[in-house]
Amino acid sequence: MNDQVKFTIDGKQCTAEKNTNLVEAAKMNGIYIPTLCHLEGVKPAGSCRICNVKINGRFMTACTTLVVDGMVIESNTNEIQELRKIIIETLFVSGNHFCPACEKSGNCELQAMGYKYQMMVPRFPYEFEEKEVDAKTTKLYIDRNRCILCKRCVRSIKSKDGKSIFAIKGRGHKAVINIDHKLANQMTDEEAMHAMETCPVGSILRKERGYVDPIGSRKFDHKPIGSEIEETVTVK
């Protein structure tokens, strides 16, 4: 039985295994669909909406959409790129992102998206809402000023017995990330580092490890976000 399906992204003929989500299917074919909330192997949530594409004239999130045979996808149109830029600008103005002073600068996916979509001055007013920080756990520091509510930590960071260490508290504009202090204090150094690396911004930080990598040597200092996907397929 053939489990491969054929589909088209921006005119490029692609193939992938049936029941693959569109973000991963595009990646397999050397096409980068941006996302801030998706993690490979973790159930998609469609939280950030940056992976919006058009399928049959309808906007859909690529991380929650499975490819089917004959699907025609638009991803790199001016309309979609502008939509993504608006979302990125909204994330910047709704939080307090001071990139020059942030430990995650150069490794931050939101910052890298800002560069990719050539964001200069956001078209929306900054909210500058006061948000709490939480430094009560032994290994992690939580700065809610930088949180974009992608839910990566909620969906993927678990204790040894499968309990969620992070959770969403509140709804709508009052929603914030909470951390279970008791479970977090049981994390190993490696688990705490994994939590920091899972966060796409500088909201979850490993204590006593700030600014380890000098400016100029960080992940996105030399290559734009998503370039590794295109390069990997091109080399093949």
C-alpha atoms as a PDB file:
ATOM      1  CA  MET A   1       0.000   0.000   0.000  1.00  0.00           C
ATOM      2  CA  ASN A   2       1.375   3.402  -1.033  1.00  0.00           C
ATOM      3  CA  ASP A   3       1.497   5.783   1.949  1.00  0.00           C
ATOM      4  CA  GLN A   4       2.929   8.670  -0.100  1.00  0.00           C
ATOM      5  CA  VAL A   5       0.743  11.617  -1.082  1.00  0.00           C
ATOM      6  CA  LYS A   6       1.447  14.284  -3.699  1.00  0.00           C
ATOM      7  CA  PHE A   7       0.706  17.959  -3.100  1.00  0.00           C
ATOM      8  CA  THR A   8       1.805  21.390  -4.286  1.00  0.00           C
ATOM      9  CA  ILE A   9       3.250  24.302  -2.322  1.00  0.00           C
ATOM     10  CA  ASP A  10       3.557  27.572  -4.249  1.00  0.00           C
ATOM     11  CA  GLY A  11       3.706  25.639  -7.499  1.00  0.00           C
ATOM     12  CA  LYS A  12       6.361  23.158  -6.340  1.00  0.00           C
ATOM     13  CA  GLN A  13       5.418  19.492  -6.593  1.00  0.00           C
ATOM     14  CA  CYS A  14       5.995  17.733  -3.263  1.00  0.00           C
ATOM     15  CA  THR A  15       5.560  14.294  -1.717  1.00  0.00           C
ATOM     16  CA  ALA A  16       5.287  13.150   1.883  1.00  0.00           C
ATOM     17  CA  GLU A  17       3.904  10.327   3.960  1.00  0.00           C
ATOM     18  CA  LYS A  18       0.194  10.313   4.577  1.00  0.00           C
ATOM     19  CA  ASN A  19      -0.887  11.877   7.920  1.00  0.00           C
ATOM     20  CA  THR A  20       2.141  14.187   8.047  1.00  0.00           C
ATOM     21  CA  ASN A  21       1.353  17.727   9.153  1.00  0.00           C
ATOM     22  CA  LEU A  22       2.026  20.393   6.574  1.00  0.00           C
ATOM     23  CA  VAL A  23       4.890  22.087   8.453  1.00  0.00           C
ATOM     24  CA  GLU A  24       6.871  18.824   8.558  1.00  0.00           C
ATOM     25  CA  ALA A  25       5.819  17.794   5.036  1.00  0.00           C
ATOM     26  CA  ALA A  26       7.050  21.122   3.659  1.00  0.00           C
ATOM     27  CA  LYS A  27      10.313  20.746   5.587  1.00  0.00           C
ATOM     28  CA  MET A  28      10.893  17.346   3.973  1.00  0.00           C
ATOM     29  CA  ASN A  29      10.661  19.054   0.593  1.00  0.00           C
ATOM     30  CA  GLY A  30      13.005  21.933   1.413  1.00  0.00           C
ATOM     31  CA  ILE A  31      10.271  24.494   2.059  1.00  0.00           C
ATOM     32  CA  TYR A  32      10.256  26.508   5.264  1.00  0.00           C
ATOM     33  CA  ILE A  33       6.891  27.363   6.784  1.00  0.00           C
ATOM     34  CA  PRO A  34       7.568  29.590   9.811  1.00  0.00           C
ATOM     35  CA  THR A  35       6.185  28.722  13.223  1.00  0.00           C
ATOM     36  CA  LEU A  36       6.881  29.669  16.831  1.00  0.00           C
ATOM     37  CA  CYS A  37       4.715  27.114  18.609  1.00  0.00           C
ATOM     38  CA  HIS A  38       5.398  23.887  16.697  1.00  0.00           C
ATOM     39  CA  LEU A  39       7.751  21.204  18.009  1.00  0.00           C
ATOM     40  CA  GLU A  40       8.427  18.048  16.034  1.00  0.00           C
ATOM     41  CA  GLY A  41       6.992  15.025  17.833  1.00  0.00           C
ATOM     42  CA  VAL A  42       4.687  17.118  20.037  1.00  0.00           C
ATOM     43  CA  LYS A  43       0.949  17.414  19.381  1.00  0.00           C
ATOM     44  CA  PRO A  44       0.363  20.650  17.418  1.00  0.00           C
ATOM     45  CA  ALA A  45      -1.595  23.473  19.028  1.00  0.00           C
ATOM     46  CA  GLY A  46      -1.819  26.177  16.356  1.00  0.00           C
ATOM     47  CA  SER A  47      -1.137  28.796  19.035  1.00  0.00           C
ATOM     48  CA  CYS A  48       1.049  31.333  17.245  1.00  0.00           C
ATOM     49  CA  ARG A  49      -0.782  31.323  13.861  1.00  0.00           C
ATOM     50  CA  ILE A  50       2.411  32.292  12.029  1.00  0.00           C
ATOM     51  CA  CYS A  51       2.233  29.078   9.990  1.00  0.00           C
ATOM     52  CA  ASN A  52      -1.015  30.240   8.356  1.00  0.00           C
ATOM     53  CA  VAL A  53      -1.252  29.136   4.721  1.00  0.00           C
ATOM     54  CA  LYS A  54      -4.056  29.180   2.181  1.00  0.00           C
ATOM     55  CA  ILE A  55      -5.641  25.921   1.062  1.00  0.00           C
ATOM     56  CA  ASN A  56      -8.480  26.148  -1.428  1.00  0.00           C
ATOM     57  CA  GLY A  57      -8.810  29.848  -0.657  1.00  0.00           C
ATOM     58  CA  ARG A  58      -9.081  29.351   3.113  1.00  0.00           C
ATOM     59  CA  PHE A  59      -6.537  30.284   5.770  1.00  0.00           C
ATOM     60  CA  MET A  60      -5.445  27.256   7.799  1.00  0.00           C
ATOM     61  CA  THR A  61      -2.632  26.599  10.268  1.00  0.00           C
ATOM     62  CA  ALA A  62      -0.045  24.362   8.647  1.00  0.00           C
ATOM     63  CA  CYS A  63       1.011  22.667  11.893  1.00  0.00           C
ATOM     64  CA  THR A  64      -2.505  21.300  12.529  1.00  0.00           C
ATOM     65  CA  THR A  65      -3.293  20.419   8.900  1.00  0.00           C
ATOM     66  CA  LEU A  66      -2.431  16.982   7.516  1.00  0.00           C
ATOM     67  CA  VAL A  67      -1.389  16.755   3.879  1.00  0.00           C
ATOM     68  CA  VAL A  68      -3.732  14.909   1.526  1.00  0.00           C
ATOM     69  CA  ASP A  69      -3.278  13.840  -2.059  1.00  0.00           C
ATOM     70  CA  GLY A  70      -3.811  16.661  -4.533  1.00  0.00           C
ATOM     71  CA  MET A  71      -3.703  19.455  -1.939  1.00  0.00           C
ATOM     72  CA  VAL A  72      -2.722  22.871  -3.339  1.00  0.00           C
ATOM     73  CA  ILE A  73      -1.110  25.200  -0.788  1.00  0.00           C
ATOM     74  CA  GLU A  74      -0.163  28.869  -0.946  1.00  0.00           C
ATOM     75  CA  SER A  75       2.512  29.928   1.538  1.00  0.00           C
ATOM     76  CA  ASN A  76       4.798  32.535   0.023  1.00  0.00           C
ATOM     77  CA  THR A  77       2.304  35.085  -1.317  1.00  0.00           C
ATOM     78  CA  ASN A  78       2.425  38.782  -0.432  1.00  0.00           C
ATOM     79  CA  GLU A  79      -0.874  38.448   1.432  1.00  0.00           C
ATOM     80  CA  ILE A  80       0.353  35.622   3.650  1.00  0.00           C
ATOM     81  CA  GLN A  81       3.752  37.205   4.262  1.00  0.00           C
ATOM     82  CA  GLU A  82       2.038  40.424   5.353  1.00  0.00           C
ATOM     83  CA  LEU A  83      -0.243  38.463   7.689  1.00  0.00           C
ATOM     84  CA  ARG A  84       2.771  36.801   9.299  1.00  0.00           C
ATOM     85  CA  LYS A  85       4.489  40.154   9.710  1.00  0.00           C
ATOM     86  CA  ILE A  86       1.402  41.558  11.445  1.00  0.00           C
ATOM     87  CA  ILE A  87       1.380  38.624  13.875  1.00  0.00           C
ATOM     88  CA  ILE A  88       5.074  39.105  14.658  1.00  0.00           C
ATOM     89  CA  GLU A  89       4.586  42.821  15.253  1.00  0.00           C
ATOM     90  CA  THR A  90       1.642  42.063  17.534  1.00  0.00           C
ATOM     91  CA  LEU A  91       3.762  39.674  19.602  1.00  0.00           C
ATOM     92  CA  PHE A  92       6.426  42.341  20.010  1.00  0.00           C
ATOM     93  CA  VAL A  93       4.088  45.121  21.145  1.00  0.00           C
ATOM     94  CA  SER A  94       2.031  42.922  23.485  1.00  0.00           C
ATOM     95  CA  GLY A  95       5.133  41.869  25.417  1.00  0.00           C
ATOM     96  CA  ASN A  96       8.178  43.699  26.718  1.00  0.00           C
ATOM     97  CA  HIS A  97      10.974  42.547  24.408  1.00  0.00           C
ATOM     98  CA  PHE A  98      14.192  44.507  24.955  1.00  0.00           C
ATOM     99  CA  CYS A  99      16.405  42.520  22.612  1.00  0.00           C
ATOM    100  CA  PRO A 100      19.781  44.200  23.295  1.00  0.00           C
ATOM    101  CA  ALA A 101      19.545  43.283  26.999  1.00  0.00           C
ATOM    102  CA  CYS A 102      18.012  39.812  26.579  1.00  0.00           C
ATOM    103  CA  GLU A 103      20.065  36.681  27.255  1.00  0.00           C
ATOM    104  CA  LYS A 104      18.326  34.953  24.342  1.00  0.00           C
ATOM    105  CA  SER A 105      19.256  37.620  21.761  1.00  0.00           C
ATOM    106  CA  GLY A 106      20.747  35.878  18.736  1.00  0.00           C
ATOM    107  CA  ASN A 107      19.114  32.601  19.765  1.00  0.00           C
ATOM    108  CA  CYS A 108      15.558  33.983  19.921  1.00  0.00           C
ATOM    109  CA  GLU A 109      13.154  32.714  17.282  1.00  0.00           C
ATOM    110  CA  LEU A 110      10.815  35.703  17.608  1.00  0.00           C
ATOM    111  CA  GLN A 111      13.724  38.098  17.078  1.00  0.00           C
ATOM    112  CA  ALA A 112      14.855  36.022  14.086  1.00  0.00           C
ATOM    113  CA  MET A 113      11.334  36.226  12.643  1.00  0.00           C
ATOM    114  CA  GLY A 114      11.444  40.003  13.044  1.00  0.00           C
ATOM    115  CA  TYR A 115      14.601  40.090  10.947  1.00  0.00           C
ATOM    116  CA  LYS A 116      13.232  37.630   8.389  1.00  0.00           C
ATOM    117  CA  TYR A 117      10.106  39.702   7.794  1.00  0.00           C
ATOM    118  CA  GLN A 118      12.044  42.983   7.934  1.00  0.00           C
ATOM    119  CA  MET A 119      10.126  44.387  10.858  1.00  0.00           C
ATOM    120  CA  MET A 120      11.263  47.890  11.634  1.00  0.00           C
ATOM    121  CA  VAL A 121       8.862  50.006  13.707  1.00  0.00           C
ATOM    122  CA  PRO A 122       5.638  48.107  14.570  1.00  0.00           C
ATOM    123  CA  ARG A 123       2.455  49.670  13.223  1.00  0.00           C
ATOM    124  CA  PHE A 124       0.736  49.061  16.574  1.00  0.00           C
ATOM    125  CA  PRO A 125       1.289  50.926  19.863  1.00  0.00           C
ATOM    126  CA  TYR A 126       3.339  49.216  22.546  1.00  0.00           C
ATOM    127  CA  GLU A 127       1.291  48.083  25.522  1.00  0.00           C
ATOM    128  CA  PHE A 128       4.157  48.021  28.060  1.00  0.00           C
ATOM    129  CA  GLU A 129       1.985  45.980  30.385  1.00  0.00           C
ATOM    130  CA  GLU A 130       3.631  45.165  33.704  1.00  0.00           C
ATOM    131  CA  LYS A 131       4.128  41.403  33.940  1.00  0.00           C
ATOM    132  CA  GLU A 132       5.450  39.346  36.814  1.00  0.00           C
ATOM    133  CA  VAL A 133       8.681  37.415  36.851  1.00  0.00           C
ATOM    134  CA  ASP A 134       9.151  34.233  38.866  1.00  0.00           C
ATOM    135  CA  ALA A 135      12.564  33.336  40.256  1.00  0.00           C
ATOM    136  CA  LYS A 136      11.345  31.067  43.053  1.00  0.00           C
ATOM    137  CA  THR A 137      12.597  27.776  41.617  1.00  0.00           C
ATOM    138  CA  THR A 138      16.156  26.606  42.099  1.00  0.00           C
ATOM    139  CA  LYS A 139      17.129  26.271  38.427  1.00  0.00           C
ATOM    140  CA  LEU A 140      14.701  28.321  36.319  1.00  0.00           C
ATOM    141  CA  TYR A 141      13.805  31.972  35.990  1.00  0.00           C
ATOM    142  CA  ILE A 142      10.460  32.778  34.321  1.00  0.00           C
ATOM    143  CA  ASP A 143      10.087  36.201  32.698  1.00  0.00           C
ATOM    144  CA  ARG A 144       6.485  36.635  31.594  1.00  0.00           C
ATOM    145  CA  ASN A 145       7.360  39.911  29.878  1.00  0.00           C
ATOM    146  CA  ARG A 146       8.879  37.853  27.069  1.00  0.00           C
ATOM    147  CA  CYS A 147       6.328  35.023  26.958  1.00  0.00           C
ATOM    148  CA  ILE A 148       4.335  34.698  23.705  1.00  0.00           C
ATOM    149  CA  LEU A 149       2.015  31.939  25.017  1.00  0.00           C
ATOM    150  CA  CYS A 150       3.174  29.455  22.391  1.00  0.00           C
ATOM    151  CA  LYS A 151       2.511  26.641  24.906  1.00  0.00           C
ATOM    152  CA  ARG A 152       5.651  24.739  23.933  1.00  0.00           C
ATOM    153  CA  CYS A 153       6.599  24.341  27.588  1.00  0.00           C
ATOM    154  CA  VAL A 154       3.081  23.282  28.589  1.00  0.00           C
ATOM    155  CA  ARG A 155       2.924  20.578  25.929  1.00  0.00           C
ATOM    156  CA  SER A 156       6.439  19.169  26.151  1.00  0.00           C
ATOM    157  CA  ILE A 157       8.044  19.744  29.568  1.00  0.00           C
ATOM    158  CA  LYS A 158       6.904  17.010  31.939  1.00  0.00           C
ATOM    159  CA  SER A 159       8.043  15.549  35.237  1.00  0.00           C
ATOM    160  CA  LYS A 160       9.341  11.986  35.478  1.00  0.00           C
ATOM    161  CA  ASP A 161       5.837  10.741  36.264  1.00  0.00           C
ATOM    162  CA  GLY A 162       4.297  12.633  33.348  1.00  0.00           C
ATOM    163  CA  LYS A 163       2.905  15.655  35.180  1.00  0.00           C
ATOM    164  CA  SER A 164       2.974  19.061  33.489  1.00  0.00           C
ATOM    165  CA  ILE A 165       5.519  21.434  35.018  1.00  0.00           C
ATOM    166  CA  PHE A 166       4.046  24.432  33.183  1.00  0.00           C
ATOM    167  CA  ALA A 167       0.403  25.416  32.702  1.00  0.00           C
ATOM    168  CA  ILE A 168      -1.751  28.264  31.407  1.00  0.00           C
ATOM    169  CA  LYS A 169      -3.520  30.352  34.040  1.00  0.00           C
ATOM    170  CA  GLY A 170      -6.376  32.635  33.034  1.00  0.00           C
ATOM    171  CA  ARG A 171      -8.005  33.219  29.671  1.00  0.00           C
ATOM    172  CA  GLY A 172      -7.770  35.677  26.817  1.00  0.00           C
ATOM    173  CA  HIS A 173      -5.555  38.708  27.452  1.00  0.00           C
ATOM    174  CA  LYS A 174      -5.227  37.655  31.112  1.00  0.00           C
ATOM    175  CA  ALA A 175      -3.635  34.293  30.283  1.00  0.00           C
ATOM    176  CA  VAL A 176      -0.132  33.725  31.684  1.00  0.00           C
ATOM    177  CA  ILE A 177       2.280  30.822  32.006  1.00  0.00           C
ATOM    178  CA  ASN A 178       2.538  29.344  35.492  1.00  0.00           C
ATOM    179  CA  ILE A 179       5.165  26.960  36.807  1.00  0.00           C
ATOM    180  CA  ASP A 180       4.752  24.271  39.443  1.00  0.00           C
ATOM    181  CA  HIS A 181       7.520  25.184  41.874  1.00  0.00           C
ATOM    182  CA  LYS A 182       7.639  21.780  43.562  1.00  0.00           C
ATOM    183  CA  LEU A 183       7.989  19.866  40.284  1.00  0.00           C
ATOM    184  CA  ALA A 184      10.425  22.419  38.858  1.00  0.00           C
ATOM    185  CA  ASN A 185      12.690  22.058  41.896  1.00  0.00           C
ATOM    186  CA  GLN A 186      13.000  18.349  41.111  1.00  0.00           C
ATOM    187  CA  MET A 187      14.375  18.993  37.609  1.00  0.00           C
ATOM    188  CA  THR A 188      17.938  17.996  36.785  1.00  0.00           C
ATOM    189  CA  ASP A 189      20.353  20.506  35.257  1.00  0.00           C
ATOM    190  CA  GLU A 190      19.843  18.856  31.873  1.00  0.00           C
ATOM    191  CA  GLU A 191      16.056  19.053  32.152  1.00  0.00           C
ATOM    192  CA  ALA A 192      16.247  22.721  33.109  1.00  0.00           C
ATOM    193  CA  MET A 193      18.448  23.417  30.077  1.00  0.00           C
ATOM    194  CA  HIS A 194      15.998  21.545  27.879  1.00  0.00           C
ATOM    195  CA  ALA A 195      13.176  23.753  29.171  1.00  0.00           C
ATOM    196  CA  MET A 196      15.182  26.867  28.334  1.00  0.00           C
ATOM    197  CA  GLU A 197      16.017  25.599  24.848  1.00  0.00           C
ATOM    198  CA  THR A 198      12.390  24.621  24.214  1.00  0.00           C
ATOM    199  CA  CYS A 199      11.220  28.202  24.769  1.00  0.00           C
ATOM    200  CA  PRO A 200      11.445  30.142  21.462  1.00  0.00           C
ATOM    201  CA  VAL A 201      12.054  33.426  23.297  1.00  0.00           C
ATOM    202  CA  GLY A 202      13.777  34.445  26.543  1.00  0.00           C
ATOM    203  CA  SER A 203      10.898  33.668  28.873  1.00  0.00           C
ATOM    204  CA  ILE A 204      12.348  30.480  30.402  1.00  0.00           C
ATOM    205  CA  LEU A 205      15.960  30.890  31.442  1.00  0.00           C
ATOM    206  CA  ARG A 206      18.369  28.548  33.163  1.00  0.00           C
ATOM    207  CA  LYS A 207      19.768  30.279  36.230  1.00  0.00           C
ATOM    208  CA  GLU A 208      23.497  31.034  36.311  1.00  0.00           C
ATOM    209  CA  ARG A 209      23.895  30.545  32.576  1.00  0.00           C
ATOM    210  CA  GLY A 210      23.120  33.922  31.009  1.00  0.00           C
ATOM    211  CA  TYR A 211      25.270  35.286  28.193  1.00  0.00           C
ATOM    212  CA  VAL A 212      27.391  32.132  27.860  1.00  0.00           C
ATOM    213  CA  ASP A 213      27.619  32.482  24.069  1.00  0.00           C
ATOM    214  CA  PRO A 214      29.096  35.836  23.014  1.00  0.00           C
ATOM    215  CA  ILE A 215      27.217  38.086  20.604  1.00  0.00           C
ATOM    216  CA  GLY A 216      28.181  37.191  17.057  1.00  0.00           C
ATOM    217  CA  SER A 217      28.386  33.435  17.682  1.00  0.00           C
ATOM    218  CA  ARG A 218      24.728  32.696  18.403  1.00  0.00           C
ATOM    219  CA  LYS A 219      22.356  30.635  16.287  1.00  0.00           C
ATOM    220  CA  PHE A 220      20.799  33.382  14.170  1.00  0.00           C
ATOM    221  CA  ASP A 221      23.745  35.783  14.118  1.00  0.00           C
ATOM    222  CA  HIS A 222      24.973  34.486  10.747  1.00  0.00           C
ATOM    223  CA  LYS A 223      22.108  32.593   9.121  1.00  0.00           C
ATOM    224  CA  PRO A 224      18.406  33.533   9.032  1.00  0.00           C
ATOM    225  CA  ILE A 225      15.782  31.313  10.612  1.00  0.00           C
ATOM    226  CA  GLY A 226      14.637  28.511   8.318  1.00  0.00           C
ATOM    227  CA  SER A 227      17.724  28.591   6.090  1.00  0.00           C
ATOM    228  CA  GLU A 228      18.944  25.221   7.385  1.00  0.00           C
ATOM    229  CA  ILE A 229      15.846  23.529   5.930  1.00  0.00           C
ATOM    230  CA  GLU A 230      16.472  24.808   2.418  1.00  0.00           C
ATOM    231  CA  GLU A 231      20.220  24.174   2.645  1.00  0.00           C
ATOM    232  CA  THR A 232      19.758  20.549   3.757  1.00  0.00           C
ATOM    233  CA  VAL A 233      17.604  19.677   0.760  1.00  0.00           C
ATOM    234  CA  THR A 234      19.714  21.706  -1.661  1.00  0.00           C
ATOM    235  CA  VAL A 235      22.855  19.796  -0.671  1.00  0.00           C
ATOM    236  CA  LYS A 236      21.105  16.510  -1.397  1.00  0.00           C
END
